[in-house]
Every structure is written in C-alpha cells, then in structure tokens.
Amino acid sequence: MASEDKKSNVEEKKEQYKETKGMGFFKKVKYSIVNIEKYPEMATEGLGKATGYIAKLVVILSVVLSVWTLYQTYQMVNEGTTYLENEFPEFSYSNGTLTVDTQEPIILQNEQFGKIIVDTNIDSEETINQYLNQINENGMGALILKDRAILKNITMIGEVSYRYQESLNSMNLTEFNKQDVIQYVHNGQINTLYFSIFITLFIYSFAMYFVNTIWYALIIGAVGYFTMWILKMRMRFVATFNMAVYALTLSTILNIIYLLVNIIFNFTIEYFSIMYITVATIYLLAAIFILKTDLMKKQAEVMKIVEAQQMIRKELEEQEKEKKENEKDKEERKKQDKEETKDKKEKNKGSKRDAKHDEPEGSNA
C-alpha cells in the first residue's frame, strides 16, 4: 500500500513538472495571478527563468511608458514649433553647445507638459538643482541647458538627461539655428530624432524599473523567507526569491495601468508604491500558507499510511503467530498420535504373547 502511494506521488510530481516545464510567458502571468498554488512549482524552474520572466514584464512596462512619453514629446514639439516661430528668441547650436539670445532664463508653464525652463548661460550645479526642484514640485517638465536637456515625467523614476552631442552627432547634426530647426520639423526629418528619443527612453525605463523590481523582489523574498522560518518550513532563499518575482506580476500590471491612467486623466494615488509592495507581499504569503497547508495534508496522509502499515504489520504478526501456534499444535498432535499408535502396537504384542502362553499342553495332539 505504501509503495503504491509513493508511486502515485511520484507520478503526480512528474505531471506537475511537465505542466510547468516550458510554460509560456502568458500562462505564467495567468498562474501568477489566479493560481498562486503554482508558485513553488514555477520557482523550481530556477533563478534564470524567474529573472527572464520579470524582465519580459518590465519590457512591456518600458515600451508602454516610452511610447506614451514619445507621444507627449510629439505633441510638445508640434505646439512648441508655433511658439518657436513667433515668440522664442533666436538660438544656435554648434559642437555640443546650445546658445539662446537672452540673458534671462525662459520659464514656460504648460498644463500638459509641466514647467519648462530654458537657461543656456549657467554652469552652477546649485542653480541647476534649484531649477530641477522647481520642476519636481510641479511633477513634470524640462530643463534646457547649454550642453544637455533634462526631462522629468510622472512615468519616470528620477530625471532623464540627454547630452546634445551624444544624441545629435549620431544623426550628423553638428550645427543649426532657429530657422534650421523650424525647417527640420516641417520637413519631417525630426522622425529620426523621435526614434533616438524612443530608444533612449526605453533603455532608461527598462534599466530603472528592472533594478527597482529586483530590489522589491529581494525585500518581499526576505519577508517570505522569514515567514517560512516562523512556520518551520525549509526552503532556500533563492526559491523564495523566485516566488516573490511571480508574486510581483499583479503589482507590475497594476503599475502599468496606474501610470496610463495617471498620464491620461492626471489621477494620482499618494501611496501607490506602498500598495504595490503590499499586494505582492500578500500574494507571496498566501502562496506560502497554501504550501504549508498542502504539507500538513501530506503529513496527515503519511501518518495515516504509517498507522495503516502498523495495523497491517500487527495483523500479519498475529497471523504469523497463530500460524506458528497451529503448526506447533499439529506437531504435538502428530507426536501424540505416534505415541498412541506405538502404545497400541505394544499392547497388541503383549496380548498375543499372553494368549500363546495360556494355551493347554495337549491342544497340539
């Protein structure tokens, strides 16, 4: 009976392994949200698979953010071109340096794009930090300096800095002025710049969100590992970390939705980052408690099997004992029968001798 149960457990594990091995990305997304009992099985695929899975999620997040930011840039360029033609002072660019013909900083406030500050006359980091603080207080915007542009968007963690020389040299742009830029935009040549911006945004978004997601997974994994220690469950930290990665699935998807809603409707949740990590932690703890419950059920089944084995063993021992007693009784009966037969034979022989001895002497005449 025990061997049959072991065999069934082995077969069950084989089926589970086949189900999770080679599982597609979208199936993992589904399991990570609605089948949290699959976390331990997916975690056994290894650290590489878990890291690759979260990297794919972050790629989707980065593409969404980059496309939307690029769309905002496109709108800003279209609106800015009109302002550039009619109101913005003359400017020129040469070998990595932008020069605007004004001594005072230009500060523009736009409801859609935030605060835009143009100052190509400063080198002081203190003044630059003051400008950035103003933009951060506003939530988003741009700082245009003589050697670089710094963008801040609500979808970004921190700011993104573009050095003119690095970005424009790749497009063979080393010199231009105001009229060249206006003509550049109207002729559609700016599409190359859009592509460059998209690549830069994607790389930046992916790097920042991937590092942050891994950091969150480490924190949540540590909470899960401590919980397992309290529950007296043995599991390596790397396996707990893998489970934490899958637990972050819903939080990451909610993050994508939240950022889109934030961008489109300007809707903000003050403590979203806390909710982000809380949802993932709840998912991981739920998976751990399910695993603990399954282990307790299996232990109960094992105890039942052990009790059944003990009962069977006791029954077999009693049968064996009874068998030995029966055999012993048979041996004793055989021995007794032999003795009785022997006694009978001896009695028969004695009676024959007595009969022969008692015959009269003339009886043979």
Protein backbone atom coordinates (compact mmCIF):
# COMPACT_ATOMS: atom_id res chain seq x y z
CA MET A 1 0.00 0.00 0.00
CA ALA A 2 2.85 2.39 0.91
CA SER A 3 4.67 1.65 -2.34
CA GLU A 4 1.51 2.41 -4.32
CA ASP A 5 1.11 5.77 -2.54
CA LYS A 6 4.75 6.64 -3.20
CA LYS A 7 4.31 5.72 -6.83
CA SER A 8 1.21 7.90 -7.12
CA ASN A 9 3.08 10.85 -5.53
CA VAL A 10 5.96 10.40 -7.97
CA GLU A 11 3.54 10.30 -10.89
CA GLU A 12 1.79 13.42 -9.59
CA LYS A 13 5.11 15.30 -9.34
CA LYS A 14 6.02 14.19 -12.86
CA GLU A 15 2.74 15.59 -14.18
CA GLN A 16 3.28 18.87 -12.31
CA TYR A 17 6.82 19.12 -13.69
CA LYS A 18 5.59 18.51 -17.25
CA GLU A 19 2.90 21.17 -16.76
CA THR A 20 5.35 23.85 -15.59
CA LYS A 21 8.32 22.92 -17.78
CA GLY A 22 8.46 25.09 -20.86
CA MET A 23 5.44 27.09 -19.70
CA GLY A 24 4.81 30.14 -21.88
CA PHE A 25 5.05 33.71 -20.65
CA PHE A 26 1.32 34.48 -20.74
CA LYS A 27 0.45 31.22 -19.00
CA LYS A 28 2.87 32.20 -16.23
CA VAL A 29 1.17 35.58 -15.99
CA LYS A 30 -2.19 33.83 -15.58
CA TYR A 31 -0.85 31.36 -13.00
CA SER A 32 0.90 34.16 -11.09
CA ILE A 33 -2.40 36.00 -10.66
CA VAL A 34 -5.08 33.28 -10.30
CA ASN A 35 -3.14 30.08 -9.47
CA ILE A 36 -0.77 31.08 -6.68
CA GLU A 37 -0.51 27.45 -5.57
CA LYS A 38 1.69 27.01 -8.67
CA TYR A 39 4.38 29.36 -7.27
CA PRO A 40 6.52 26.57 -5.74
CA GLU A 41 6.42 24.60 -8.99
CA MET A 42 7.36 27.64 -11.10
CA ALA A 43 10.08 28.54 -8.59
CA THR A 44 11.76 25.16 -9.19
CA GLU A 45 12.48 26.23 -12.78
CA GLY A 46 15.39 28.25 -11.41
CA LEU A 47 16.62 31.79 -10.94
CA GLY A 48 17.28 32.32 -14.66
CA LYS A 49 13.68 31.58 -15.65
CA ALA A 50 12.28 33.83 -12.92
CA THR A 51 14.62 36.70 -13.86
CA GLY A 52 13.76 36.29 -17.54
CA TYR A 53 10.06 36.35 -16.70
CA ILE A 54 10.24 39.61 -14.76
CA ALA A 55 12.47 41.11 -17.47
CA LYS A 56 9.70 40.47 -20.02
CA LEU A 57 7.16 42.18 -17.78
CA VAL A 58 9.46 45.17 -17.40
CA VAL A 59 9.96 45.28 -21.19
CA ILE A 60 6.19 45.63 -21.64
CA LEU A 61 6.12 48.35 -18.99
CA SER A 62 9.06 50.17 -20.60
CA VAL A 63 7.53 50.03 -24.09
CA VAL A 64 4.22 51.46 -22.82
CA LEU A 65 5.98 54.29 -20.99
CA SER A 66 8.35 55.04 -23.86
CA VAL A 67 5.56 55.15 -26.45
CA TRP A 68 3.44 57.44 -24.31
CA THR A 69 6.34 59.73 -23.45
CA LEU A 70 7.26 59.88 -27.12
CA TYR A 71 3.67 60.80 -27.95
CA GLN A 72 3.84 63.60 -25.38
CA THR A 73 7.11 64.77 -26.92
CA TYR A 74 5.49 64.78 -30.35
CA GLN A 75 2.64 66.95 -29.06
CA MET A 76 5.07 69.25 -27.29
CA VAL A 77 7.14 69.68 -30.46
CA ASN A 78 4.05 70.49 -32.53
CA GLU A 79 2.84 73.07 -30.03
CA GLY A 80 6.36 74.33 -29.42
CA THR A 81 7.04 74.90 -33.10
CA THR A 82 4.37 77.62 -33.23
CA TYR A 83 5.80 79.26 -30.14
CA LEU A 84 9.30 78.88 -31.54
CA GLU A 85 8.39 80.66 -34.78
CA ASN A 86 6.52 83.57 -33.19
CA GLU A 87 7.83 84.20 -29.68
CA PHE A 88 11.02 82.29 -28.88
CA PRO A 89 14.28 84.28 -29.28
CA GLU A 90 16.97 83.37 -31.78
CA PHE A 91 19.26 80.48 -30.88
CA SER A 92 22.06 78.44 -32.41
CA TYR A 93 23.80 75.13 -31.79
CA SER A 94 27.42 74.25 -32.57
CA ASN A 95 29.57 71.29 -31.49
CA GLY A 96 27.57 70.30 -28.42
CA THR A 97 26.72 73.79 -27.20
CA LEU A 98 23.32 75.48 -27.41
CA THR A 99 23.16 79.29 -27.23
CA VAL A 100 19.93 81.26 -26.76
CA ASP A 101 19.99 85.04 -27.37
CA THR A 102 18.68 86.07 -23.96
CA GLN A 103 20.29 86.90 -20.63
CA GLU A 104 17.31 85.90 -18.50
CA PRO A 105 16.01 82.33 -18.08
CA ILE A 106 12.87 81.50 -20.04
CA ILE A 107 10.22 79.82 -17.86
CA LEU A 108 7.13 78.34 -19.50
CA GLN A 109 4.23 76.73 -17.66
CA ASN A 110 2.08 74.25 -19.55
CA GLU A 111 -0.76 72.23 -18.05
CA GLN A 112 0.00 69.20 -20.19
CA PHE A 113 3.82 69.24 -20.23
CA GLY A 114 4.59 70.91 -16.93
CA LYS A 115 7.26 73.54 -16.26
CA ILE A 116 9.84 74.16 -18.99
CA ILE A 117 12.94 76.18 -18.05
CA VAL A 118 15.46 77.38 -20.66
CA ASP A 119 18.79 78.77 -19.40
CA THR A 120 21.93 78.36 -21.52
CA ASN A 121 24.01 80.85 -19.53
CA ILE A 122 24.58 78.93 -16.30
CA ASP A 123 27.20 76.39 -15.19
CA SER A 124 26.41 76.33 -11.49
CA GLU A 125 25.19 72.92 -10.26
CA GLU A 126 23.45 74.66 -7.39
CA THR A 127 21.32 76.71 -9.78
CA ILE A 128 20.62 73.63 -11.91
CA ASN A 129 19.45 71.74 -8.80
CA GLN A 130 17.17 74.66 -7.91
CA TYR A 131 15.62 74.50 -11.37
CA LEU A 132 15.16 70.73 -11.04
CA ASN A 133 13.50 71.15 -7.66
CA GLN A 134 11.02 73.57 -9.22
CA ILE A 135 10.25 71.03 -11.96
CA ASN A 136 9.91 68.19 -9.43
CA GLU A 137 7.50 70.26 -7.36
CA ASN A 138 5.42 70.71 -10.49
CA GLY A 139 5.57 66.95 -11.17
CA MET A 140 6.97 67.10 -14.69
CA GLY A 141 8.72 69.36 -17.15
CA ALA A 142 12.06 70.01 -18.85
CA LEU A 143 15.26 71.91 -18.19
CA ILE A 144 17.09 73.13 -21.31
CA LEU A 145 20.79 73.90 -20.64
CA LYS A 146 23.64 74.77 -22.97
CA ASP A 147 25.04 71.22 -23.13
CA ARG A 148 22.10 68.99 -22.26
CA ALA A 149 18.35 68.71 -21.74
CA ILE A 150 16.88 67.13 -18.59
CA LEU A 151 13.36 65.71 -18.78
CA LYS A 152 11.07 64.84 -15.90
CA ASN A 153 7.88 62.86 -16.44
CA ILE A 154 5.41 61.35 -13.97
CA THR A 155 6.08 57.97 -15.57
CA MET A 156 9.80 58.21 -14.82
CA ILE A 157 11.76 57.43 -11.69
CA GLY A 158 14.01 60.48 -11.44
CA GLU A 159 15.06 62.51 -14.49
CA VAL A 160 16.42 61.59 -17.90
CA SER A 161 19.36 63.61 -19.20
CA TYR A 162 20.19 63.95 -22.92
CA ARG A 163 23.55 65.40 -23.91
CA TYR A 164 23.18 67.18 -27.22
CA GLN A 165 26.47 65.99 -28.62
CA GLU A 166 25.74 62.32 -27.93
CA SER A 167 22.20 62.44 -29.31
CA LEU A 168 22.72 64.76 -32.30
CA ASN A 169 26.08 63.53 -33.56
CA SER A 170 24.52 60.14 -34.29
CA MET A 171 22.23 61.98 -36.72
CA ASN A 172 25.12 64.01 -38.19
CA LEU A 173 23.77 67.25 -36.68
CA THR A 174 26.67 69.41 -35.55
CA GLU A 175 25.32 72.90 -36.31
CA PHE A 176 21.90 74.50 -36.71
CA ASN A 177 19.94 77.64 -35.80
CA LYS A 178 16.32 78.60 -35.22
CA GLN A 179 15.34 78.62 -38.90
CA ASP A 180 17.01 75.24 -39.45
CA VAL A 181 15.00 73.70 -36.61
CA ILE A 182 11.71 75.07 -37.93
CA GLN A 183 12.50 73.73 -41.37
CA TYR A 184 13.68 70.42 -39.86
CA VAL A 185 10.33 69.94 -38.12
CA HIS A 186 8.22 70.90 -41.13
CA ASN A 187 10.16 68.61 -43.47
CA GLY A 188 9.55 65.54 -41.30
CA GLN A 189 13.26 64.91 -40.70
CA ILE A 190 12.59 65.01 -36.98
CA ASN A 191 11.32 61.41 -37.13
CA THR A 192 14.93 60.25 -36.78
CA LEU A 193 15.17 62.24 -33.57
CA TYR A 194 11.94 60.67 -32.32
CA PHE A 195 13.40 57.20 -32.86
CA SER A 196 16.54 58.19 -30.96
CA ILE A 197 14.42 59.53 -28.10
CA PHE A 198 12.37 56.32 -28.00
CA ILE A 199 15.48 54.12 -27.78
CA THR A 200 16.93 56.28 -25.01
CA LEU A 201 13.66 56.30 -23.08
CA PHE A 202 13.26 52.54 -23.44
CA ILE A 203 16.79 51.77 -22.23
CA TYR A 204 16.44 54.16 -19.31
CA SER A 205 12.96 52.91 -18.32
CA PHE A 206 13.96 49.26 -18.57
CA ALA A 207 17.14 49.72 -16.51
CA MET A 208 15.41 51.73 -13.78
CA TYR A 209 12.28 49.60 -13.47
CA PHE A 210 14.16 46.31 -13.72
CA VAL A 211 16.55 47.28 -10.91
CA ASN A 212 13.64 48.52 -8.78
CA THR A 213 11.61 45.36 -9.41
CA ILE A 214 14.53 43.11 -8.47
CA TRP A 215 15.01 45.20 -5.32
CA TYR A 216 11.34 44.80 -4.42
CA ALA A 217 11.60 41.04 -5.07
CA LEU A 218 14.55 40.83 -2.67
CA ILE A 219 12.59 42.65 0.06
CA ILE A 220 9.44 40.55 -0.45
CA GLY A 221 11.55 37.38 -0.70
CA ALA A 222 13.18 38.21 2.65
CA VAL A 223 9.72 38.63 4.23
CA GLY A 224 8.67 35.28 2.75
CA TYR A 225 11.85 33.55 3.95
CA PHE A 226 11.33 34.89 7.49
CA THR A 227 7.70 33.71 7.40
CA MET A 228 8.82 30.22 6.36
CA TRP A 229 11.32 30.21 9.20
CA ILE A 230 8.49 31.01 11.64
CA LEU A 231 6.34 28.26 10.12
CA LYS A 232 9.32 25.85 10.37
CA MET A 233 9.41 25.27 6.63
CA ARG A 234 12.69 24.59 4.91
CA MET A 235 13.29 26.36 1.59
CA ARG A 236 16.33 28.05 0.11
CA PHE A 237 16.20 31.83 -0.21
CA VAL A 238 16.66 31.66 -3.99
CA ALA A 239 13.42 29.65 -4.24
CA THR A 240 11.62 32.20 -2.06
CA PHE A 241 13.03 34.99 -4.24
CA ASN A 242 11.72 33.23 -7.37
CA MET A 243 8.27 33.02 -5.78
CA ALA A 244 8.48 36.73 -4.91
CA VAL A 245 9.21 37.51 -8.58
CA TYR A 246 6.00 35.78 -9.66
CA ALA A 247 4.13 37.47 -6.79
CA LEU A 248 5.07 40.86 -8.31
CA THR A 249 3.11 40.10 -11.50
CA LEU A 250 -0.18 41.70 -10.49
CA SER A 251 1.60 44.68 -8.91
CA THR A 252 3.55 45.31 -12.13
CA ILE A 253 0.41 45.10 -14.28
CA LEU A 254 -1.40 47.44 -11.88
CA ASN A 255 1.59 49.77 -12.13
CA ILE A 256 1.26 49.87 -15.93
CA ILE A 257 -2.48 50.59 -15.68
CA TYR A 258 -1.96 53.21 -12.98
CA LEU A 259 0.70 55.06 -14.97
CA LEU A 260 -1.52 55.15 -18.06
CA VAL A 261 -4.49 56.41 -16.04
CA ASN A 262 -2.19 58.91 -14.35
CA ILE A 263 -0.95 60.21 -17.70
CA ILE A 264 -4.34 60.36 -19.42
CA PHE A 265 -6.57 61.57 -16.57
CA ASN A 266 -3.94 63.07 -14.23
CA PHE A 267 -5.18 60.73 -11.50
CA THR A 268 -2.72 60.07 -8.66
CA ILE A 269 -2.63 57.67 -5.72
CA GLU A 270 -0.43 59.09 -2.99
CA TYR A 271 0.70 55.78 -1.51
CA PHE A 272 0.71 53.66 -4.64
CA SER A 273 4.26 52.38 -4.03
CA ILE A 274 3.14 51.03 -0.64
CA MET A 275 0.14 49.34 -2.25
CA TYR A 276 2.46 47.98 -4.97
CA ILE A 277 4.67 46.13 -2.49
CA THR A 278 1.77 45.19 -0.18
CA VAL A 279 -0.17 43.40 -2.93
CA ALA A 280 2.91 41.40 -3.93
CA THR A 281 3.67 40.52 -0.28
CA ILE A 282 0.10 39.30 0.27
CA TYR A 283 0.36 37.11 -2.84
CA LEU A 284 3.63 35.56 -1.64
CA LEU A 285 2.37 34.96 1.91
CA ALA A 286 -0.82 33.39 0.53
CA ALA A 287 1.30 31.03 -1.60
CA ILE A 288 3.41 30.12 1.46
CA PHE A 289 0.36 29.36 3.60
CA ILE A 290 -1.14 27.25 0.80
CA LEU A 291 2.16 25.37 0.60
CA LYS A 292 2.14 24.90 4.38
CA THR A 293 -1.44 23.59 4.25
CA ASP A 294 -0.50 21.14 1.49
CA LEU A 295 2.47 19.94 3.50
CA MET A 296 0.27 19.43 6.56
CA LYS A 297 -2.21 17.46 4.45
CA LYS A 298 0.59 15.31 3.07
CA GLN A 299 1.96 14.77 6.57
CA ALA A 300 -1.51 13.72 7.70
CA GLU A 301 -1.72 11.31 4.77
CA VAL A 302 1.72 9.94 5.65
CA MET A 303 0.61 9.45 9.26
CA LYS A 304 -2.46 7.59 8.05
CA ILE A 305 -0.26 5.42 5.85
CA VAL A 306 2.09 4.76 8.78
CA GLU A 307 -0.85 3.86 11.03
CA ALA A 308 -2.24 1.58 8.33
CA GLN A 309 1.17 -0.04 7.92
CA GLN A 310 1.41 -0.59 11.67
CA MET A 311 -2.04 -2.16 11.74
CA ILE A 312 -1.17 -4.40 8.80
CA ARG A 313 2.15 -5.31 10.39
CA LYS A 314 0.41 -6.14 13.67
CA GLU A 315 -2.19 -8.18 11.86
CA LEU A 316 0.49 -10.06 9.93
CA GLU A 317 2.41 -10.70 13.15
CA GLU A 318 -0.75 -12.07 14.77
CA GLN A 319 -1.42 -14.25 11.72
CA GLU A 320 2.17 -15.46 11.80
CA LYS A 321 1.92 -16.17 15.50
CA GLU A 322 -1.37 -18.00 15.02
CA LYS A 323 0.15 -19.97 12.15
CA LYS A 324 3.12 -20.99 14.30
CA GLU A 325 0.79 -21.99 17.14
CA ASN A 326 -1.30 -24.08 14.72
CA GLU A 327 1.80 -25.74 13.37
CA LYS A 328 3.00 -26.40 16.89
CA ASP A 329 -0.39 -27.91 17.77
CA LYS A 330 -0.21 -30.08 14.65
CA GLU A 331 3.27 -31.27 15.61
CA GLU A 332 2.12 -32.07 19.13
CA ARG A 333 -0.92 -33.94 17.81
CA LYS A 334 1.25 -35.90 15.39
CA LYS A 335 3.65 -36.73 18.18
CA GLN A 336 0.77 -37.73 20.42
CA ASP A 337 -0.75 -39.87 17.63
CA LYS A 338 2.60 -41.59 17.12
CA GLU A 339 2.88 -42.34 20.83
CA GLU A 340 -0.68 -43.66 20.94
CA THR A 341 -0.02 -45.85 17.90
CA LYS A 342 3.15 -47.13 19.48
CA ASP A 343 1.32 -47.91 22.73
CA LYS A 344 -1.39 -49.75 20.82
CA LYS A 345 1.19 -51.84 18.98
CA GLU A 346 2.95 -52.72 22.22
CA LYS A 347 -0.37 -53.65 23.82
CA ASN A 348 -1.27 -55.87 20.84
CA LYS A 349 2.06 -57.65 21.01
CA GLY A 350 1.65 -58.23 24.76
CA SER A 351 -1.84 -59.65 24.36
CA LYS A 352 -0.64 -62.07 21.68
CA ARG A 353 2.15 -63.34 23.95
CA ASP A 354 -0.28 -63.84 26.79
CA ALA A 355 -2.68 -65.76 24.58
CA LYS A 356 0.06 -68.08 23.39
CA HIS A 357 1.27 -68.68 26.91
CA ASP A 358 -2.27 -69.60 28.16
CA GLU A 359 -2.96 -72.43 25.55
CA PRO A 360 -3.37 -76.12 27.04
CA GLU A 361 -0.43 -78.51 26.51
CA GLY A 362 -2.46 -81.20 24.62
CA SER A 363 -4.02 -78.92 22.29
CA ASN A 364 -1.48 -79.71 19.55
CA ALA A 365 -2.20 -83.51 19.58
